[in-house]
Structures are given as structure tokens and as C-alpha cells.
């Protein structure tokens, strides 16, 4: 599967279970380990685990098998390694504390009033 199709499938899997503040970072100019980092917020440990599992299932249906998954025990931050795409599903406090978007050249999500993400998925520009 091509990387862009994998990225779109992962985002669709996150949206399917109502992930909030989905951000896609193009990190190709910053690292050779992976091409895209996707960060999403979940409201509970249960939703965090469900989102990560949905990404795994949807990508498995398309023939992509995860190289690893971390954080399922606590559910505060689950990382799904799809090779060229890394997916971080985090609870709000953990996401705010680690602020990984800023570390990788993006911008953190803006606070909002509603429980679910509204508007389009934020795509951060490629690093210079």
C-alpha cells in the first residue's frame, strides 16, 4: 500500500470512532524513520484503545500489518507503528503535556468547546 493511502486510511479509521483534533505531520525532511506522524485525541482510556484497535483493523483489511503497538495497558497514550506512518492516540492531558506536534514542527491543536473535533483534519506543512 502506498504511504498516502495508508495515511488516509489511518485518518479515516480515527474519524470513524470520533477522534478529536487529528493532526497529520509530514516529517520526511526531519527523519528517515517514517514519513508521516498522525496525532489524535481520545476522551478516555477506552476510546484511546478503541481508536488504536480500529486503525489496526482497518489497515489490516488493506494488507498493512502494524510493526508495533505500545501503551495499550494504560490507554493514556497508544502508539501504532505502521512503518511509514506512526499514529499517536492520546488523552488530552497527555497530549498537552508532551506537545509532540511542536517538537516535530507542527502546531498543537486549538482548544475548542465541543467534545468532538469539528472541521477538517489539520495537515501541518512539511518541515523546511
N, C-alpha and C. Protein backbone atom coordinates (compact mmCIF):
# COMPACT_ATOMS: atom_id res chain seq x y z
N UNK A 1 0.86 -1.18 0.00
CA UNK A 1 0.00 0.00 0.00
C UNK A 1 0.90 1.24 0.00
N UNK A 2 0.52 2.21 -0.79
CA UNK A 2 1.29 3.45 -0.85
C UNK A 2 1.10 4.24 0.45
N UNK A 3 2.10 5.04 0.76
CA UNK A 3 2.10 5.78 2.02
C UNK A 3 0.92 6.73 2.13
N UNK A 4 0.59 7.45 1.06
CA UNK A 4 -0.54 8.39 1.14
C UNK A 4 -1.85 7.66 1.38
N UNK A 5 -2.03 6.51 0.78
CA UNK A 5 -3.25 5.72 1.00
C UNK A 5 -3.28 5.20 2.43
N UNK A 6 -2.12 4.82 2.96
CA UNK A 6 -2.04 4.35 4.34
C UNK A 6 -2.40 5.48 5.30
N UNK A 7 -1.88 6.67 5.02
CA UNK A 7 -2.18 7.85 5.85
C UNK A 7 -3.68 8.15 5.84
N UNK A 8 -4.28 8.16 4.66
CA UNK A 8 -5.72 8.44 4.55
C UNK A 8 -6.55 7.38 5.26
N UNK A 9 -6.16 6.12 5.15
CA UNK A 9 -6.90 5.04 5.81
C UNK A 9 -6.80 5.15 7.33
N UNK A 10 -5.64 5.53 7.83
CA UNK A 10 -5.48 5.70 9.29
C UNK A 10 -6.34 6.86 9.79
N UNK A 11 -6.35 7.96 9.07
CA UNK A 11 -7.18 9.11 9.46
C UNK A 11 -8.66 8.73 9.41
N UNK A 12 -9.07 8.01 8.38
CA UNK A 12 -10.47 7.59 8.27
C UNK A 12 -10.85 6.68 9.44
N UNK A 13 -9.95 5.80 9.84
CA UNK A 13 -10.21 4.91 10.97
C UNK A 13 -10.36 5.70 12.27
N UNK A 14 -9.58 6.75 12.42
CA UNK A 14 -9.68 7.61 13.61
C UNK A 14 -11.00 8.38 13.60
N UNK A 15 -11.35 8.92 12.45
CA UNK A 15 -12.59 9.69 12.34
C UNK A 15 -13.82 8.81 12.58
N UNK A 16 -13.72 7.56 12.20
CA UNK A 16 -14.83 6.63 12.34
C UNK A 16 -15.27 6.47 13.80
N UNK A 17 -14.32 6.58 14.72
CA UNK A 17 -14.65 6.43 16.14
C UNK A 17 -14.52 7.78 16.85
N UNK A 18 -14.64 8.85 16.10
CA UNK A 18 -14.76 10.20 16.65
C UNK A 18 -13.53 10.69 17.42
N UNK A 19 -12.35 10.45 16.87
CA UNK A 19 -11.15 11.05 17.45
C UNK A 19 -11.25 12.56 17.29
N UNK A 20 -10.64 13.29 18.21
CA UNK A 20 -10.64 14.75 18.15
C UNK A 20 -9.28 15.25 17.71
N UNK A 21 -9.27 16.44 17.16
CA UNK A 21 -8.04 17.18 16.88
C UNK A 21 -7.00 16.33 16.15
N UNK A 22 -7.42 15.70 15.05
CA UNK A 22 -6.49 14.87 14.28
C UNK A 22 -5.54 15.79 13.52
N UNK A 23 -4.26 15.55 13.71
CA UNK A 23 -3.22 16.33 13.05
C UNK A 23 -2.31 15.37 12.30
N UNK A 24 -2.00 15.70 11.04
CA UNK A 24 -1.09 14.89 10.25
C UNK A 24 0.16 15.73 9.99
N UNK A 25 1.31 15.21 10.42
CA UNK A 25 2.57 15.91 10.23
C UNK A 25 3.41 15.20 9.18
N UNK A 26 3.89 15.94 8.20
CA UNK A 26 4.81 15.41 7.19
C UNK A 26 6.22 15.59 7.74
N UNK A 27 6.86 14.51 8.12
CA UNK A 27 8.18 14.60 8.76
C UNK A 27 9.29 14.02 7.88
N UNK A 28 9.04 13.90 6.59
CA UNK A 28 10.02 13.29 5.68
C UNK A 28 11.35 14.02 5.66
N UNK A 29 11.32 15.34 5.83
CA UNK A 29 12.58 16.10 5.82
C UNK A 29 13.28 16.10 7.17
N UNK A 30 12.62 15.56 8.19
CA UNK A 30 13.20 15.57 9.54
C UNK A 30 13.77 14.22 9.96
N UNK A 31 13.27 13.14 9.38
CA UNK A 31 13.72 11.81 9.76
C UNK A 31 13.52 10.85 8.59
N UNK A 32 14.33 9.82 8.56
CA UNK A 32 14.16 8.78 7.55
C UNK A 32 13.45 7.56 8.13
N UNK A 33 13.06 7.64 9.40
CA UNK A 33 12.41 6.50 10.06
C UNK A 33 10.98 6.29 9.61
N UNK A 34 10.26 7.38 9.35
CA UNK A 34 8.88 7.31 8.88
C UNK A 34 8.55 8.59 8.15
N UNK A 35 7.46 8.58 7.38
CA UNK A 35 7.09 9.73 6.56
C UNK A 35 6.07 10.65 7.21
N UNK A 36 5.09 10.06 7.89
CA UNK A 36 4.02 10.85 8.49
C UNK A 36 3.79 10.45 9.93
N UNK A 37 3.44 11.44 10.72
CA UNK A 37 3.02 11.22 12.10
C UNK A 37 1.61 11.76 12.22
N UNK A 38 0.72 10.92 12.74
CA UNK A 38 -0.66 11.32 12.95
C UNK A 38 -0.89 11.36 14.45
N UNK A 39 -1.45 12.47 14.93
CA UNK A 39 -1.72 12.62 16.36
C UNK A 39 -3.22 12.90 16.51
N UNK A 40 -3.84 12.18 17.44
CA UNK A 40 -5.28 12.35 17.67
C UNK A 40 -5.57 12.29 19.17
N UNK A 41 -6.66 12.90 19.56
CA UNK A 41 -7.07 12.93 20.96
C UNK A 41 -8.28 12.02 21.16
N UNK A 42 -8.26 11.32 22.30
CA UNK A 42 -9.38 10.49 22.74
C UNK A 42 -9.77 10.94 24.14
N UNK A 43 -11.03 10.79 24.47
CA UNK A 43 -11.53 11.29 25.75
C UNK A 43 -11.38 10.34 26.93
N UNK A 44 -11.04 9.09 26.68
CA UNK A 44 -10.93 8.12 27.77
C UNK A 44 -9.96 7.03 27.37
N UNK A 45 -9.55 6.23 28.35
CA UNK A 45 -8.68 5.09 28.06
C UNK A 45 -9.38 4.11 27.12
N UNK A 46 -10.66 3.92 27.34
CA UNK A 46 -11.43 3.02 26.48
C UNK A 46 -11.44 3.51 25.04
N UNK A 47 -11.67 4.80 24.84
CA UNK A 47 -11.69 5.33 23.48
C UNK A 47 -10.29 5.30 22.86
N UNK A 48 -9.27 5.57 23.65
CA UNK A 48 -7.90 5.52 23.15
C UNK A 48 -7.59 4.14 22.59
N UNK A 49 -7.92 3.12 23.36
CA UNK A 49 -7.68 1.74 22.92
C UNK A 49 -8.53 1.40 21.71
N UNK A 50 -9.79 1.84 21.71
CA UNK A 50 -10.69 1.56 20.58
C UNK A 50 -10.19 2.21 19.30
N UNK A 51 -9.71 3.44 19.40
CA UNK A 51 -9.18 4.13 18.22
C UNK A 51 -7.96 3.40 17.67
N UNK A 52 -7.03 3.04 18.54
CA UNK A 52 -5.83 2.33 18.10
C UNK A 52 -6.21 0.99 17.45
N UNK A 53 -7.13 0.26 18.07
CA UNK A 53 -7.56 -1.02 17.51
C UNK A 53 -8.26 -0.85 16.18
N UNK A 54 -9.04 0.22 16.02
CA UNK A 54 -9.71 0.46 14.75
C UNK A 54 -8.70 0.76 13.65
N UNK A 55 -7.66 1.53 13.98
CA UNK A 55 -6.60 1.79 13.00
C UNK A 55 -5.97 0.46 12.59
N UNK A 56 -5.64 -0.38 13.56
CA UNK A 56 -5.04 -1.68 13.26
C UNK A 56 -5.93 -2.53 12.37
N UNK A 57 -7.22 -2.61 12.71
CA UNK A 57 -8.15 -3.44 11.95
C UNK A 57 -8.35 -2.93 10.53
N UNK A 58 -8.56 -1.61 10.39
CA UNK A 58 -8.81 -1.05 9.06
C UNK A 58 -7.59 -1.20 8.15
N UNK A 59 -6.41 -1.02 8.70
CA UNK A 59 -5.20 -1.16 7.89
C UNK A 59 -4.92 -2.63 7.59
N UNK A 60 -5.22 -3.51 8.52
CA UNK A 60 -5.05 -4.95 8.29
C UNK A 60 -5.94 -5.40 7.14
N UNK A 61 -7.15 -4.84 7.07
CA UNK A 61 -8.07 -5.16 5.97
C UNK A 61 -7.48 -4.77 4.62
N UNK A 62 -6.60 -3.79 4.63
CA UNK A 62 -5.98 -3.31 3.39
C UNK A 62 -4.60 -3.94 3.17
N UNK A 63 -4.25 -4.91 4.02
CA UNK A 63 -3.00 -5.63 3.83
C UNK A 63 -1.79 -5.05 4.55
N UNK A 64 -2.02 -4.06 5.41
CA UNK A 64 -0.92 -3.45 6.16
C UNK A 64 -0.94 -3.98 7.58
N UNK A 65 0.17 -4.53 8.01
CA UNK A 65 0.27 -5.05 9.37
C UNK A 65 1.17 -4.14 10.19
N UNK A 66 0.75 -3.84 11.38
CA UNK A 66 1.50 -2.95 12.27
C UNK A 66 2.83 -3.59 12.64
N UNK A 67 3.85 -2.76 12.72
CA UNK A 67 5.16 -3.24 13.14
C UNK A 67 5.25 -3.26 14.66
N UNK A 68 4.36 -2.51 15.31
CA UNK A 68 4.35 -2.50 16.76
C UNK A 68 3.23 -1.64 17.29
N UNK A 69 2.90 -1.88 18.55
CA UNK A 69 1.90 -1.06 19.24
C UNK A 69 2.34 -0.96 20.69
N UNK A 70 2.28 0.25 21.23
CA UNK A 70 2.73 0.50 22.61
C UNK A 70 1.66 1.27 23.36
N UNK A 71 1.56 1.04 24.67
CA UNK A 71 0.71 1.84 25.53
C UNK A 71 -0.70 1.32 25.74
N UNK A 72 -1.00 0.15 25.24
CA UNK A 72 -2.36 -0.37 25.38
C UNK A 72 -2.74 -0.67 26.84
N UNK A 73 -1.76 -0.94 27.66
CA UNK A 73 -2.07 -1.30 29.05
C UNK A 73 -2.75 -0.15 29.78
N UNK A 74 -2.22 1.05 29.68
CA UNK A 74 -2.80 2.17 30.41
C UNK A 74 -3.85 2.92 29.60
N UNK A 75 -3.65 3.01 28.29
CA UNK A 75 -4.60 3.71 27.44
C UNK A 75 -4.51 5.22 27.49
N UNK A 76 -3.50 5.77 28.15
CA UNK A 76 -3.34 7.22 28.15
C UNK A 76 -2.73 7.71 26.84
N UNK A 77 -1.81 6.90 26.29
CA UNK A 77 -1.13 7.24 25.05
C UNK A 77 -0.83 5.92 24.36
N UNK A 78 -1.45 5.70 23.22
CA UNK A 78 -1.19 4.48 22.46
C UNK A 78 -0.53 4.88 21.15
N UNK A 79 0.58 4.22 20.85
CA UNK A 79 1.32 4.47 19.62
C UNK A 79 1.16 3.25 18.72
N UNK A 80 0.77 3.49 17.48
CA UNK A 80 0.65 2.43 16.48
C UNK A 80 1.69 2.70 15.40
N UNK A 81 2.62 1.77 15.24
CA UNK A 81 3.70 1.89 14.26
C UNK A 81 3.31 1.11 13.02
N UNK A 82 3.01 1.83 11.95
CA UNK A 82 2.63 1.21 10.68
C UNK A 82 3.78 1.25 9.68
N UNK A 83 4.97 1.52 10.16
CA UNK A 83 6.14 1.62 9.29
C UNK A 83 6.35 3.05 8.85
N UNK A 84 5.81 3.41 7.69
CA UNK A 84 5.97 4.78 7.17
C UNK A 84 5.02 5.78 7.81
N UNK A 85 4.06 5.28 8.57
CA UNK A 85 3.10 6.14 9.26
C UNK A 85 3.06 5.73 10.73
N UNK A 86 3.21 6.72 11.61
CA UNK A 86 3.13 6.50 13.05
C UNK A 86 1.87 7.20 13.55
N UNK A 87 1.06 6.50 14.33
CA UNK A 87 -0.18 7.07 14.86
C UNK A 87 -0.08 7.15 16.37
N UNK A 88 -0.27 8.36 16.91
CA UNK A 88 -0.31 8.58 18.36
C UNK A 88 -1.75 8.91 18.73
N UNK A 89 -2.33 8.13 19.64
CA UNK A 89 -3.67 8.42 20.16
C UNK A 89 -3.48 8.74 21.64
N UNK A 90 -3.84 9.96 22.03
CA UNK A 90 -3.53 10.44 23.38
C UNK A 90 -4.75 11.04 24.05
N UNK A 91 -4.78 10.91 25.37
CA UNK A 91 -5.79 11.62 26.13
C UNK A 91 -5.37 13.09 26.22
N UNK A 92 -6.30 14.02 26.43
CA UNK A 92 -6.00 15.45 26.36
C UNK A 92 -4.85 15.91 27.26
N UNK A 93 -4.81 15.48 28.50
CA UNK A 93 -3.75 15.94 29.42
C UNK A 93 -2.38 15.46 28.96
N UNK A 94 -2.31 14.25 28.48
CA UNK A 94 -1.03 13.69 28.00
C UNK A 94 -0.59 14.42 26.74
N UNK A 95 -1.53 14.69 25.85
CA UNK A 95 -1.20 15.39 24.61
C UNK A 95 -0.70 16.81 24.90
N UNK A 96 -1.36 17.48 25.82
CA UNK A 96 -0.94 18.85 26.18
C UNK A 96 0.42 18.84 26.85
N UNK A 97 0.68 17.86 27.69
CA UNK A 97 1.94 17.80 28.43
C UNK A 97 3.13 17.54 27.50
N UNK A 98 3.01 16.55 26.62
CA UNK A 98 4.14 16.19 25.75
C UNK A 98 4.26 17.06 24.52
N UNK A 99 3.14 17.61 24.03
CA UNK A 99 3.16 18.57 22.94
C UNK A 99 4.03 18.11 21.77
N UNK A 100 3.83 16.87 21.32
CA UNK A 100 4.72 16.33 20.29
C UNK A 100 4.58 17.02 18.93
N UNK A 101 3.45 17.64 18.66
CA UNK A 101 3.33 18.38 17.40
C UNK A 101 4.38 19.48 17.32
N UNK A 102 4.55 20.21 18.41
CA UNK A 102 5.52 21.29 18.43
C UNK A 102 6.94 20.75 18.26
N UNK A 103 7.24 19.61 18.86
CA UNK A 103 8.56 19.00 18.73
C UNK A 103 8.87 18.61 17.29
N UNK A 104 7.85 18.24 16.53
CA UNK A 104 8.04 17.77 15.17
C UNK A 104 7.70 18.82 14.12
N UNK A 105 7.63 20.08 14.51
CA UNK A 105 7.48 21.15 13.55
C UNK A 105 6.05 21.55 13.22
N UNK A 106 5.09 21.04 13.97
CA UNK A 106 3.69 21.41 13.73
C UNK A 106 3.22 22.37 14.80
N UNK A 107 1.93 22.52 14.90
CA UNK A 107 1.36 23.36 15.94
C UNK A 107 0.34 22.53 16.72
N UNK A 108 0.26 22.74 18.03
CA UNK A 108 -0.72 21.99 18.81
C UNK A 108 -2.13 22.40 18.44
N UNK A 109 -3.11 21.52 18.69
CA UNK A 109 -4.49 21.87 18.35
C UNK A 109 -5.00 23.02 19.22
N UNK A 110 -5.89 23.79 18.66
CA UNK A 110 -6.50 24.87 19.41
C UNK A 110 -7.58 24.31 20.32
N UNK A 111 -7.74 24.88 21.51
CA UNK A 111 -8.83 24.42 22.37
C UNK A 111 -10.18 24.71 21.73
N UNK A 112 -11.15 23.89 22.02
CA UNK A 112 -12.49 24.09 21.46
C UNK A 112 -13.52 23.73 22.51
N UNK A 113 -14.74 24.12 22.25
CA UNK A 113 -15.79 23.94 23.25
C UNK A 113 -16.46 22.57 23.17
N UNK A 114 -16.57 22.00 21.98
CA UNK A 114 -17.30 20.75 21.82
C UNK A 114 -16.50 19.52 22.17
N UNK A 115 -17.18 18.40 22.40
CA UNK A 115 -16.47 17.18 22.76
C UNK A 115 -15.78 16.52 21.57
N UNK A 116 -16.18 16.83 20.34
CA UNK A 116 -15.58 16.19 19.18
C UNK A 116 -14.93 17.22 18.29
N UNK A 117 -13.98 16.75 17.53
CA UNK A 117 -13.27 17.60 16.58
C UNK A 117 -14.27 18.12 15.55
N UNK A 118 -14.16 19.38 15.27
CA UNK A 118 -15.01 19.93 14.22
C UNK A 118 -14.11 20.49 13.14
N UNK A 119 -14.54 20.41 11.92
CA UNK A 119 -13.75 20.93 10.82
C UNK A 119 -12.83 19.86 10.25
N UNK A 120 -12.06 20.23 9.23
CA UNK A 120 -11.21 19.27 8.53
C UNK A 120 -9.99 18.86 9.35
N UNK A 121 -9.40 17.76 8.95
CA UNK A 121 -8.17 17.28 9.58
C UNK A 121 -7.08 18.30 9.29
N UNK A 122 -6.33 18.67 10.31
CA UNK A 122 -5.25 19.64 10.14
C UNK A 122 -4.03 18.94 9.58
N UNK A 123 -3.53 19.43 8.46
CA UNK A 123 -2.30 18.91 7.87
C UNK A 123 -1.23 19.97 8.08
N UNK A 124 -0.22 19.61 8.82
CA UNK A 124 0.88 20.55 9.05
C UNK A 124 1.75 20.60 7.79
N UNK A 125 2.30 21.75 7.50
CA UNK A 125 3.17 21.84 6.32
C UNK A 125 4.45 21.05 6.54
N UNK A 126 5.06 20.66 5.45
CA UNK A 126 6.34 19.93 5.52
C UNK A 126 7.39 20.82 6.16
N UNK A 127 8.29 20.21 6.90
CA UNK A 127 9.37 20.97 7.54
C UNK A 127 10.30 21.52 6.47
N UNK A 128 10.86 22.71 6.69
CA UNK A 128 11.72 23.31 5.67
C UNK A 128 13.00 22.54 5.50
